[in-house]
PDB file of N, CA and C in Angstrom:
ATOM      1  N   MET A   1     -80.944 -36.137  -9.656  1.00  0.00           N
ATOM      2  CA  MET A   1     -80.521 -34.794  -9.305  1.00  0.00           C
ATOM      3  C   MET A   1     -79.968 -34.103 -10.551  1.00  0.00           C
ATOM      4  N   GLU A   2     -80.516 -32.969 -10.868  1.00  0.00           N
ATOM      5  CA  GLU A   2     -80.009 -32.187 -11.996  1.00  0.00           C
ATOM      6  C   GLU A   2     -78.728 -31.487 -11.570  1.00  0.00           C
ATOM      7  N   ARG A   3     -77.707 -31.568 -12.415  1.00  0.00           N
ATOM      8  CA  ARG A   3     -76.446 -30.893 -12.111  1.00  0.00           C
ATOM      9  C   ARG A   3     -76.400 -29.601 -12.895  1.00  0.00           C
ATOM     10  N   PHE A   4     -76.121 -28.551 -12.196  1.00  0.00           N
ATOM     11  CA  PHE A   4     -75.978 -27.249 -12.826  1.00  0.00           C
ATOM     12  C   PHE A   4     -74.496 -26.984 -13.027  1.00  0.00           C
ATOM     13  N   VAL A   5     -74.181 -26.224 -14.046  1.00  0.00           N
ATOM     14  CA  VAL A   5     -72.783 -25.927 -14.347  1.00  0.00           C
ATOM     15  C   VAL A   5     -72.568 -24.420 -14.372  1.00  0.00           C
ATOM     16  N   LYS A   6     -71.328 -24.046 -14.208  1.00  0.00           N
ATOM     17  CA  LYS A   6     -70.954 -22.636 -14.254  1.00  0.00           C
ATOM     18  C   LYS A   6     -71.490 -22.010 -15.536  1.00  0.00           C
ATOM     19  N   GLY A   7     -72.171 -20.884 -15.390  1.00  0.00           N
ATOM     20  CA  GLY A   7     -72.736 -20.189 -16.539  1.00  0.00           C
ATOM     21  C   GLY A   7     -74.224 -20.406 -16.727  1.00  0.00           C
ATOM     22  N   ASP A   8     -74.799 -21.418 -16.063  1.00  0.00           N
ATOM     23  CA  ASP A   8     -76.245 -21.618 -16.148  1.00  0.00           C
ATOM     24  C   ASP A   8     -76.968 -20.434 -15.509  1.00  0.00           C
ATOM     25  N   VAL A   9     -78.124 -20.096 -16.050  1.00  0.00           N
ATOM     26  CA  VAL A   9     -78.999 -19.104 -15.426  1.00  0.00           C
ATOM     27  C   VAL A   9     -80.184 -19.872 -14.856  1.00  0.00           C
ATOM     28  N   VAL A  10     -80.423 -19.692 -13.562  1.00  0.00           N
ATOM     29  CA  VAL A  10     -81.499 -20.382 -12.859  1.00  0.00           C
ATOM     30  C   VAL A  10     -82.379 -19.346 -12.163  1.00  0.00           C
ATOM     31  N   VAL A  11     -83.574 -19.747 -11.767  1.00  0.00           N
ATOM     32  CA  VAL A  11     -84.450 -18.867 -10.992  1.00  0.00           C
ATOM     33  C   VAL A  11     -84.567 -19.456  -9.591  1.00  0.00           C
ATOM     34  N   VAL A  12     -84.305 -18.620  -8.593  1.00  0.00           N
ATOM     35  CA  VAL A  12     -84.291 -19.049  -7.196  1.00  0.00           C
ATOM     36  C   VAL A  12     -84.954 -17.991  -6.310  1.00  0.00           C
ATOM     37  N   PRO A  13     -85.379 -18.385  -5.099  1.00  0.00           N
ATOM     38  CA  PRO A  13     -85.788 -17.377  -4.123  1.00  0.00           C
ATOM     39  C   PRO A  13     -84.525 -16.734  -3.552  1.00  0.00           C
ATOM     40  N   PHE A  14     -84.161 -15.585  -4.079  1.00  0.00           N
ATOM     41  CA  PHE A  14     -82.892 -14.936  -3.720  1.00  0.00           C
ATOM     42  C   PHE A  14     -83.109 -14.115  -2.447  1.00  0.00           C
ATOM     43  N   PRO A  15     -82.307 -14.340  -1.398  1.00  0.00           N
ATOM     44  CA  PRO A  15     -82.535 -13.655  -0.119  1.00  0.00           C
ATOM     45  C   PRO A  15     -82.144 -12.178  -0.155  1.00  0.00           C
ATOM     46  N   PHE A  16     -82.903 -11.369   0.587  1.00  0.00           N
ATOM     47  CA  PHE A  16     -82.491  -9.990   0.817  1.00  0.00           C
ATOM     48  C   PHE A  16     -81.273 -10.015   1.732  1.00  0.00           C
ATOM     49  N   SER A  17     -80.484  -8.956   1.724  1.00  0.00           N
ATOM     50  CA  SER A  17     -79.241  -8.948   2.499  1.00  0.00           C
ATOM     51  C   SER A  17     -79.478  -9.099   4.000  1.00  0.00           C
ATOM     52  N   ASP A  18     -80.655  -8.696   4.498  1.00  0.00           N
ATOM     53  CA  ASP A  18     -80.931  -8.864   5.932  1.00  0.00           C
ATOM     54  C   ASP A  18     -81.549 -10.234   6.248  1.00  0.00           C
ATOM     55  N   LEU A  19     -81.723 -11.074   5.225  1.00  0.00           N
ATOM     56  CA  LEU A  19     -82.222 -12.447   5.327  1.00  0.00           C
ATOM     57  C   LEU A  19     -83.652 -12.556   5.868  1.00  0.00           C
ATOM     58  N   THR A  20     -84.406 -11.467   5.909  1.00  0.00           N
ATOM     59  CA  THR A  20     -85.776 -11.516   6.421  1.00  0.00           C
ATOM     60  C   THR A  20     -86.775 -11.996   5.376  1.00  0.00           C
ATOM     61  N   GLN A  21     -86.436 -11.838   4.107  1.00  0.00           N
ATOM     62  CA  GLN A  21     -87.324 -12.222   3.014  1.00  0.00           C
ATOM     63  C   GLN A  21     -86.483 -12.674   1.830  1.00  0.00           C
ATOM     64  N   ALA A  22     -87.168 -13.201   0.831  1.00  0.00           N
ATOM     65  CA  ALA A  22     -86.511 -13.566  -0.421  1.00  0.00           C
ATOM     66  C   ALA A  22     -87.433 -13.172  -1.565  1.00  0.00           C
ATOM     67  N   LYS A  23     -86.828 -12.937  -2.721  1.00  0.00           N
ATOM     68  CA  LYS A  23     -87.595 -12.579  -3.912  1.00  0.00           C
ATOM     69  C   LYS A  23     -87.176 -13.519  -5.036  1.00  0.00           C
ATOM     70  N   ARG A  24     -88.160 -14.022  -5.775  1.00  0.00           N
ATOM     71  CA  ARG A  24     -87.842 -14.901  -6.902  1.00  0.00           C
ATOM     72  C   ARG A  24     -87.153 -14.072  -7.969  1.00  0.00           C
ATOM     73  N   ARG A  25     -85.930 -14.504  -8.335  1.00  0.00           N
ATOM     74  CA  ARG A  25     -85.190 -13.756  -9.347  1.00  0.00           C
ATOM     75  C   ARG A  25     -84.175 -14.683 -10.023  1.00  0.00           C
ATOM     76  N   PRO A  26     -83.716 -14.289 -11.211  1.00  0.00           N
ATOM     77  CA  PRO A  26     -82.693 -15.088 -11.884  1.00  0.00           C
ATOM     78  C   PRO A  26     -81.347 -14.939 -11.188  1.00  0.00           C
ATOM     79  N   ALA A  27     -80.559 -15.979 -11.308  1.00  0.00           N
ATOM     80  CA  ALA A  27     -79.213 -15.971 -10.742  1.00  0.00           C
ATOM     81  C   ALA A  27     -78.284 -16.727 -11.684  1.00  0.00           C
ATOM     82  N   LEU A  28     -77.044 -16.296 -11.716  1.00  0.00           N
ATOM     83  CA  LEU A  28     -76.015 -16.931 -12.530  1.00  0.00           C
ATOM     84  C   LEU A  28     -75.257 -17.924 -11.665  1.00  0.00           C
ATOM     85  N   VAL A  29     -75.125 -19.162 -12.138  1.00  0.00           N
ATOM     86  CA  VAL A  29     -74.340 -20.157 -11.404  1.00  0.00           C
ATOM     87  C   VAL A  29     -72.864 -19.826 -11.596  1.00  0.00           C
ATOM     88  N   ILE A  30     -72.201 -19.515 -10.493  1.00  0.00           N
ATOM     89  CA  ILE A  30     -70.766 -19.223 -10.502  1.00  0.00           C
ATOM     90  C   ILE A  30     -69.979 -20.510 -10.358  1.00  0.00           C
ATOM     91  N   SER A  31     -70.493 -21.423  -9.511  1.00  0.00           N
ATOM     92  CA  SER A  31     -69.826 -22.700  -9.298  1.00  0.00           C
ATOM     93  C   SER A  31     -70.837 -23.716  -8.790  1.00  0.00           C
ATOM     94  N   SER A  32     -70.686 -24.954  -9.231  1.00  0.00           N
ATOM     95  CA  SER A  32     -71.450 -26.071  -8.700  1.00  0.00           C
ATOM     96  C   SER A  32     -70.473 -26.876  -7.860  1.00  0.00           C
ATOM     97  N   LEU A  33     -70.678 -26.888  -6.552  1.00  0.00           N
ATOM     98  CA  LEU A  33     -69.741 -27.525  -5.636  1.00  0.00           C
ATOM     99  C   LEU A  33     -69.946 -29.033  -5.608  1.00  0.00           C
ATOM    100  N   LYS A  34     -68.972 -29.772  -5.068  1.00  0.00           N
ATOM    101  CA  LYS A  34     -69.063 -31.234  -5.026  1.00  0.00           C
ATOM    102  C   LYS A  34     -70.252 -31.701  -4.207  1.00  0.00           C
ATOM    103  N   SER A  35     -70.635 -30.918  -3.219  1.00  0.00           N
ATOM    104  CA  SER A  35     -71.852 -31.228  -2.465  1.00  0.00           C
ATOM    105  C   SER A  35     -73.044 -30.834  -3.342  1.00  0.00           C
ATOM    106  N   ASP A  36     -74.188 -30.645  -2.752  1.00  0.00           N
ATOM    107  CA  ASP A  36     -75.369 -30.220  -3.514  1.00  0.00           C
ATOM    108  C   ASP A  36     -75.472 -28.708  -3.617  1.00  0.00           C
ATOM    109  N   ASP A  37     -74.430 -27.992  -3.201  1.00  0.00           N
ATOM    110  CA  ASP A  37     -74.483 -26.537  -3.149  1.00  0.00           C
ATOM    111  C   ASP A  37     -74.057 -25.874  -4.453  1.00  0.00           C
ATOM    112  N   LEU A  38     -74.640 -24.695  -4.676  1.00  0.00           N
ATOM    113  CA  LEU A  38     -74.292 -23.836  -5.803  1.00  0.00           C
ATOM    114  C   LEU A  38     -73.865 -22.489  -5.254  1.00  0.00           C
ATOM    115  N   ILE A  39     -72.904 -21.854  -5.897  1.00  0.00           N
ATOM    116  CA  ILE A  39     -72.598 -20.460  -5.614  1.00  0.00           C
ATOM    117  C   ILE A  39     -73.292 -19.659  -6.708  1.00  0.00           C
ATOM    118  N   LEU A  40     -74.176 -18.746  -6.294  1.00  0.00           N
ATOM    119  CA  LEU A  40     -75.028 -18.006  -7.217  1.00  0.00           C
ATOM    120  C   LEU A  40     -74.773 -16.513  -7.127  1.00  0.00           C
ATOM    121  N   CYS A  41     -74.964 -15.841  -8.261  1.00  0.00           N
ATOM    122  CA  CYS A  41     -74.786 -14.395  -8.357  1.00  0.00           C
ATOM    123  C   CYS A  41     -76.096 -13.789  -8.856  1.00  0.00           C
ATOM    124  N   GLN A  42     -76.539 -12.739  -8.202  1.00  0.00           N
ATOM    125  CA  GLN A  42     -77.797 -12.081  -8.558  1.00  0.00           C
ATOM    126  C   GLN A  42     -77.749 -11.493  -9.973  1.00  0.00           C
ATOM    127  N   ILE A  43     -78.864 -11.634 -10.685  1.00  0.00           N
ATOM    128  CA  ILE A  43     -79.080 -10.963 -11.968  1.00  0.00           C
ATOM    129  C   ILE A  43     -80.306 -10.076 -11.791  1.00  0.00           C
ATOM    130  N   THR A  44     -80.225  -8.841 -12.261  1.00  0.00           N
ATOM    131  CA  THR A  44     -81.369  -7.936 -12.183  1.00  0.00           C
ATOM    132  C   THR A  44     -81.539  -7.187 -13.497  1.00  0.00           C
ATOM    133  N   SER A  45     -82.788  -6.912 -13.849  1.00  0.00           N
ATOM    134  CA  SER A  45     -83.047  -6.106 -15.046  1.00  0.00           C
ATOM    135  C   SER A  45     -83.101  -4.620 -14.698  1.00  0.00           C
ATOM    136  N   GLN A  46     -82.977  -4.305 -13.424  1.00  0.00           N
ATOM    137  CA  GLN A  46     -82.975  -2.907 -12.988  1.00  0.00           C
ATOM    138  C   GLN A  46     -81.686  -2.221 -13.426  1.00  0.00           C
ATOM    139  N   ASN A  47     -81.767  -0.934 -13.681  1.00  0.00           N
ATOM    140  CA  ASN A  47     -80.589  -0.147 -14.036  1.00  0.00           C
ATOM    141  C   ASN A  47     -79.794   0.115 -12.756  1.00  0.00           C
ATOM    142  N   VAL A  48     -78.776  -0.691 -12.538  1.00  0.00           N
ATOM    143  CA  VAL A  48     -77.987  -0.628 -11.309  1.00  0.00           C
ATOM    144  C   VAL A  48     -76.838   0.342 -11.506  1.00  0.00           C
ATOM    145  N   ARG A  49     -76.647   1.198 -10.539  1.00  0.00           N
ATOM    146  CA  ARG A  49     -75.563   2.182 -10.614  1.00  0.00           C
ATOM    147  C   ARG A  49     -74.578   1.939  -9.482  1.00  0.00           C
ATOM    148  N   ASP A  50     -73.838   0.862  -9.576  1.00  0.00           N
ATOM    149  CA  ASP A  50     -72.751   0.658  -8.630  1.00  0.00           C
ATOM    150  C   ASP A  50     -71.513   0.216  -9.399  1.00  0.00           C
ATOM    151  N   ASP A  51     -70.389   0.229  -8.734  1.00  0.00           N
ATOM    152  CA  ASP A  51     -69.119  -0.066  -9.398  1.00  0.00           C
ATOM    153  C   ASP A  51     -68.973  -1.531  -9.783  1.00  0.00           C
ATOM    154  N   TYR A  52     -69.855  -2.398  -9.295  1.00  0.00           N
ATOM    155  CA  TYR A  52     -69.695  -3.834  -9.503  1.00  0.00           C
ATOM    156  C   TYR A  52     -70.576  -4.408 -10.605  1.00  0.00           C
ATOM    157  N   ALA A  53     -71.666  -3.745 -10.944  1.00  0.00           N
ATOM    158  CA  ALA A  53     -72.629  -4.284 -11.907  1.00  0.00           C
ATOM    159  C   ALA A  53     -71.983  -4.490 -13.278  1.00  0.00           C
ATOM    160  N   ILE A  54     -72.289  -5.635 -13.879  1.00  0.00           N
ATOM    161  CA  ILE A  54     -71.759  -5.997 -15.197  1.00  0.00           C
ATOM    162  C   ILE A  54     -72.947  -6.241 -16.121  1.00  0.00           C
ATOM    163  N   THR A  55     -72.994  -5.555 -17.249  1.00  0.00           N
ATOM    164  CA  THR A  55     -74.086  -5.732 -18.205  1.00  0.00           C
ATOM    165  C   THR A  55     -74.093  -7.170 -18.717  1.00  0.00           C
ATOM    166  N   PHE A  56     -75.292  -7.749 -18.809  1.00  0.00           N
ATOM    167  CA  PHE A  56     -75.479  -9.136 -19.219  1.00  0.00           C
ATOM    168  C   PHE A  56     -76.572  -9.147 -20.279  1.00  0.00           C
ATOM    169  N   GLU A  57     -76.216  -9.551 -21.510  1.00  0.00           N
ATOM    170  CA  GLU A  57     -77.151  -9.528 -22.633  1.00  0.00           C
ATOM    171  C   GLU A  57     -77.281 -10.918 -23.241  1.00  0.00           C
ATOM    172  N   ASN A  58     -78.227 -11.077 -24.156  1.00  0.00           N
ATOM    173  CA  ASN A  58     -78.449 -12.380 -24.779  1.00  0.00           C
ATOM    174  C   ASN A  58     -77.198 -12.933 -25.446  1.00  0.00           C
ATOM    175  N   GLN A  59     -76.387 -12.086 -26.056  1.00  0.00           N
ATOM    176  CA  GLN A  59     -75.182 -12.598 -26.720  1.00  0.00           C
ATOM    177  C   GLN A  59     -74.157 -13.132 -25.720  1.00  0.00           C
ATOM    178  N   ASP A  60     -74.353 -12.876 -24.427  1.00  0.00           N
ATOM    179  CA  ASP A  60     -73.469 -13.412 -23.395  1.00  0.00           C
ATOM    180  C   ASP A  60     -73.859 -14.833 -22.998  1.00  0.00           C
ATOM    181  N   MET A  61     -74.968 -15.341 -23.539  1.00  0.00           N
ATOM    182  CA  MET A  61     -75.481 -16.655 -23.166  1.00  0.00           C
ATOM    183  C   MET A  61     -75.305 -17.650 -24.306  1.00  0.00           C
ATOM    184  N   ASN A  62     -75.006 -18.909 -23.950  1.00  0.00           N
ATOM    185  CA  ASN A  62     -74.929 -19.976 -24.947  1.00  0.00           C
ATOM    186  C   ASN A  62     -76.323 -20.482 -25.305  1.00  0.00           C
ATOM    187  N   ASP A  63     -77.179 -20.618 -24.309  1.00  0.00           N
ATOM    188  CA  ASP A  63     -78.542 -21.115 -24.493  1.00  0.00           C
ATOM    189  C   ASP A  63     -79.514 -20.163 -23.816  1.00  0.00           C
ATOM    190  N   GLY A  64     -80.751 -20.195 -24.253  1.00  0.00           N
ATOM    191  CA  GLY A  64     -81.786 -19.383 -23.622  1.00  0.00           C
ATOM    192  C   GLY A  64     -81.690 -17.921 -24.015  1.00  0.00           C
ATOM    193  N   LYS A  65     -82.556 -17.126 -23.384  1.00  0.00           N
ATOM    194  CA  LYS A  65     -82.516 -15.697 -23.660  1.00  0.00           C
ATOM    195  C   LYS A  65     -83.089 -14.936 -22.480  1.00  0.00           C
ATOM    196  N   LEU A  66     -82.718 -13.687 -22.410  1.00  0.00           N
ATOM    197  CA  LEU A  66     -83.216 -12.778 -21.383  1.00  0.00           C
ATOM    198  C   LEU A  66     -84.324 -11.922 -21.976  1.00  0.00           C
ATOM    199  N   ASP A  67     -85.290 -11.537 -21.153  1.00  0.00           N
ATOM    200  CA  ASP A  67     -86.354 -10.640 -21.613  1.00  0.00           C
ATOM    201  C   ASP A  67     -85.828  -9.228 -21.823  1.00  0.00           C
ATOM    202  N   LYS A  68     -84.842  -8.837 -21.019  1.00  0.00           N
ATOM    203  CA  LYS A  68     -84.286  -7.485 -21.068  1.00  0.00           C
ATOM    204  C   LYS A  68     -82.776  -7.544 -20.872  1.00  0.00           C
ATOM    205  N   ILE A  69     -82.090  -6.492 -21.300  1.00  0.00           N
ATOM    206  CA  ILE A  69     -80.687  -6.344 -20.931  1.00  0.00           C
ATOM    207  C   ILE A  69     -80.653  -6.272 -19.410  1.00  0.00           C
ATOM    208  N   SER A  70     -79.745  -7.009 -18.809  1.00  0.00           N
ATOM    209  CA  SER A  70     -79.712  -7.126 -17.356  1.00  0.00           C
ATOM    210  C   SER A  70     -78.331  -6.808 -16.819  1.00  0.00           C
ATOM    211  N   ASN A  71     -78.206  -6.883 -15.514  1.00  0.00           N
ATOM    212  CA  ASN A  71     -76.927  -6.687 -14.842  1.00  0.00           C
ATOM    213  C   ASN A  71     -76.658  -7.859 -13.915  1.00  0.00           C
ATOM    214  N   VAL A  72     -75.447  -8.392 -14.002  1.00  0.00           N
ATOM    215  CA  VAL A  72     -74.971  -9.382 -13.048  1.00  0.00           C
ATOM    216  C   VAL A  72     -74.338  -8.590 -11.914  1.00  0.00           C
ATOM    217  N   ARG A  73     -74.618  -8.995 -10.663  1.00  0.00           N
ATOM    218  CA  ARG A  73     -74.148  -8.231  -9.507  1.00  0.00           C
ATOM    219  C   ARG A  73     -73.215  -9.088  -8.654  1.00  0.00           C
ATOM    220  N   PRO A  74     -71.914  -9.115  -8.986  1.00  0.00           N
ATOM    221  CA  PRO A  74     -70.980  -9.972  -8.248  1.00  0.00           C
ATOM    222  C   PRO A  74     -70.815  -9.598  -6.778  1.00  0.00           C
ATOM    223  N   ASN A  75     -71.327  -8.456  -6.376  1.00  0.00           N
ATOM    224  CA  ASN A  75     -71.322  -8.112  -4.955  1.00  0.00           C
ATOM    225  C   ASN A  75     -72.555  -8.676  -4.244  1.00  0.00           C
ATOM    226  N   ARG A  76     -73.369  -9.450  -4.963  1.00  0.00           N
ATOM    227  CA  ARG A  76     -74.555 -10.102  -4.403  1.00  0.00           C
ATOM    228  C   ARG A  76     -74.461 -11.607  -4.683  1.00  0.00           C
ATOM    229  N   LEU A  77     -73.625 -12.299  -3.916  1.00  0.00           N
ATOM    230  CA  LEU A  77     -73.420 -13.740  -4.054  1.00  0.00           C
ATOM    231  C   LEU A  77     -74.057 -14.463  -2.874  1.00  0.00           C
ATOM    232  N   PHE A  78     -74.467 -15.704  -3.113  1.00  0.00           N
ATOM    233  CA  PHE A  78     -74.827 -16.551  -1.985  1.00  0.00           C
ATOM    234  C   PHE A  78     -74.689 -18.015  -2.372  1.00  0.00           C
ATOM    235  N   THR A  79     -74.564 -18.856  -1.355  1.00  0.00           N
ATOM    236  CA  THR A  79     -74.439 -20.293  -1.535  1.00  0.00           C
ATOM    237  C   THR A  79     -75.775 -20.923  -1.172  1.00  0.00           C
ATOM    238  N   ALA A  80     -76.243 -21.838  -2.015  1.00  0.00           N
ATOM    239  CA  ALA A  80     -77.553 -22.447  -1.777  1.00  0.00           C
ATOM    240  C   ALA A  80     -77.561 -23.898  -2.240  1.00  0.00           C
ATOM    241  N   ASP A  81     -78.389 -24.697  -1.614  1.00  0.00           N
ATOM    242  CA  ASP A  81     -78.618 -26.070  -2.031  1.00  0.00           C
ATOM    243  C   ASP A  81     -79.317 -26.052  -3.393  1.00  0.00           C
ATOM    244  N   HIS A  82     -78.924 -26.959  -4.271  1.00  0.00           N
ATOM    245  CA  HIS A  82     -79.501 -26.962  -5.627  1.00  0.00           C
ATOM    246  C   HIS A  82     -81.009 -27.220  -5.622  1.00  0.00           C
ATOM    247  N   HIS A  83     -81.547 -27.766  -4.537  1.00  0.00           N
ATOM    248  CA  HIS A  83     -82.981 -28.057  -4.471  1.00  0.00           C
ATOM    249  C   HIS A  83     -83.853 -26.797  -4.450  1.00  0.00           C
ATOM    250  N   ILE A  84     -83.275 -25.633  -4.132  1.00  0.00           N
ATOM    251  CA  ILE A  84     -84.095 -24.411  -4.107  1.00  0.00           C
ATOM    252  C   ILE A  84     -84.316 -23.830  -5.502  1.00  0.00           C
ATOM    253  N   VAL A  85     -83.620 -24.368  -6.511  1.00  0.00           N
ATOM    254  CA  VAL A  85     -83.797 -23.868  -7.883  1.00  0.00           C
ATOM    255  C   VAL A  85     -85.237 -24.137  -8.311  1.00  0.00           C
ATOM    256  N   LEU A  86     -85.938 -23.071  -8.680  1.00  0.00           N
ATOM    257  CA  LEU A  86     -87.335 -23.187  -9.096  1.00  0.00           C
ATOM    258  C   LEU A  86     -87.438 -23.662 -10.538  1.00  0.00           C
ATOM    259  N   TYR A  87     -86.600 -23.108 -11.403  1.00  0.00           N
ATOM    260  CA  TYR A  87     -86.522 -23.537 -12.795  1.00  0.00           C
ATOM    261  C   TYR A  87     -85.320 -22.886 -13.455  1.00  0.00           C
ATOM    262  N   THR A  88     -85.004 -23.367 -14.672  1.00  0.00           N
ATOM    263  CA  THR A  88     -83.862 -22.827 -15.420  1.00  0.00           C
ATOM    264  C   THR A  88     -84.361 -22.059 -16.617  1.00  0.00           C
TER     265      THR A  88
END
């Protein structure tokens, strides 16, 4: 089992708020719980205009890189089993 740590960027099927569908998108690991669960925060490259969006750029990362300047959306959190991670 791969262990993810706070700050990792992973790609997951991120659910829509009405839970009817999911879209593959990057997410920031907020916490890796003692169980197999992760608390994840949505990352989007869209220009988000809400009070919660936080700009996320390559210099904010220790490893890897983003294709575009993005926004972390702390108002879009969810808990998921680590097995749904498609890739890092």
